[in-house]
Amino acid sequence: MKKNSIRIGLLAAAIVFIVIGCVNKEFHDVFMKAVYICLECIGIG
């Protein structure tokens, strides 16, 4: 029972942080960094 409550708490915290990041437009920055890393990996960037 204790493990389930820990899992639910961590899942809730993750969802809250994802929503906060989306509200602050952080997803754009993370997406752009991921694109640049991928382009550098294949040698285009």
C-alpha atoms as a PDB file:
ATOM      1  CA  MET A   1       0.000   0.000   0.000  1.00  0.00           C
ATOM      2  CA  LYS A   2       2.844   2.395   0.816  1.00  0.00           C
ATOM      3  CA  LYS A   3       4.519   1.828  -2.571  1.00  0.00           C
ATOM      4  CA  ASN A   4       1.298   2.693  -4.379  1.00  0.00           C
ATOM      5  CA  SER A   5       0.948   5.972  -2.516  1.00  0.00           C
ATOM      6  CA  ILE A   6       4.564   6.866  -3.315  1.00  0.00           C
ATOM      7  CA  ARG A   7       3.999   6.096  -7.007  1.00  0.00           C
ATOM      8  CA  ILE A   8       0.815   8.126  -7.108  1.00  0.00           C
ATOM      9  CA  GLY A   9       2.543  11.038  -5.367  1.00  0.00           C
ATOM     10  CA  LEU A  10       5.459  10.995  -7.801  1.00  0.00           C
ATOM     11  CA  LEU A  11       3.110  10.770 -10.775  1.00  0.00           C
ATOM     12  CA  ALA A  12       1.082  13.709  -9.480  1.00  0.00           C
ATOM     13  CA  ALA A  13       4.258  15.755  -8.941  1.00  0.00           C
ATOM     14  CA  ALA A  14       5.462  14.948 -12.475  1.00  0.00           C
ATOM     15  CA  ILE A  15       2.136  16.003 -13.967  1.00  0.00           C
ATOM     16  CA  VAL A  16       2.195  19.263 -11.990  1.00  0.00           C
ATOM     17  CA  PHE A  17       5.726  20.074 -13.187  1.00  0.00           C
ATOM     18  CA  ILE A  18       4.838  19.273 -16.800  1.00  0.00           C
ATOM     19  CA  VAL A  19       1.812  21.566 -16.641  1.00  0.00           C
ATOM     20  CA  ILE A  20       3.874  24.358 -15.047  1.00  0.00           C
ATOM     21  CA  GLY A  21       6.491  24.003 -17.797  1.00  0.00           C
ATOM     22  CA  CYS A  22       3.849  24.168 -20.517  1.00  0.00           C
ATOM     23  CA  VAL A  23       2.228  27.237 -18.975  1.00  0.00           C
ATOM     24  CA  ASN A  24       5.618  28.999 -18.851  1.00  0.00           C
ATOM     25  CA  LYS A  25       6.327  28.115 -22.516  1.00  0.00           C
ATOM     26  CA  GLU A  26       9.338  26.037 -21.448  1.00  0.00           C
ATOM     27  CA  PHE A  27       8.430  23.266 -23.895  1.00  0.00           C
ATOM     28  CA  HIS A  28       9.601  25.439 -26.791  1.00  0.00           C
ATOM     29  CA  ASP A  29      13.081  25.851 -25.311  1.00  0.00           C
ATOM     30  CA  VAL A  30      13.410  22.139 -24.581  1.00  0.00           C
ATOM     31  CA  PHE A  31      12.166  21.225 -28.056  1.00  0.00           C
ATOM     32  CA  MET A  32      14.614  23.587 -29.748  1.00  0.00           C
ATOM     33  CA  LYS A  33      17.539  22.214 -27.719  1.00  0.00           C
ATOM     34  CA  ALA A  34      16.525  18.674 -28.701  1.00  0.00           C
ATOM     35  CA  VAL A  35      16.370  19.672 -32.367  1.00  0.00           C
ATOM     36  CA  TYR A  36      19.833  21.236 -32.224  1.00  0.00           C
ATOM     37  CA  ILE A  37      21.302  18.182 -30.515  1.00  0.00           C
ATOM     38  CA  CYS A  38      19.779  15.876 -33.144  1.00  0.00           C
ATOM     39  CA  LEU A  39      21.047  18.044 -35.986  1.00  0.00           C
ATOM     40  CA  GLU A  40      24.543  18.093 -34.475  1.00  0.00           C
ATOM     41  CA  CYS A  41      24.453  14.305 -34.112  1.00  0.00           C
ATOM     42  CA  ILE A  42      23.802  13.726 -37.796  1.00  0.00           C
ATOM     43  CA  GLY A  43      26.241  16.440 -38.824  1.00  0.00           C
ATOM     44  CA  ILE A  44      23.893  19.067 -40.264  1.00  0.00           C
ATOM     45  CA  GLY A  45      24.003  21.601 -37.451  1.00  0.00           C
END
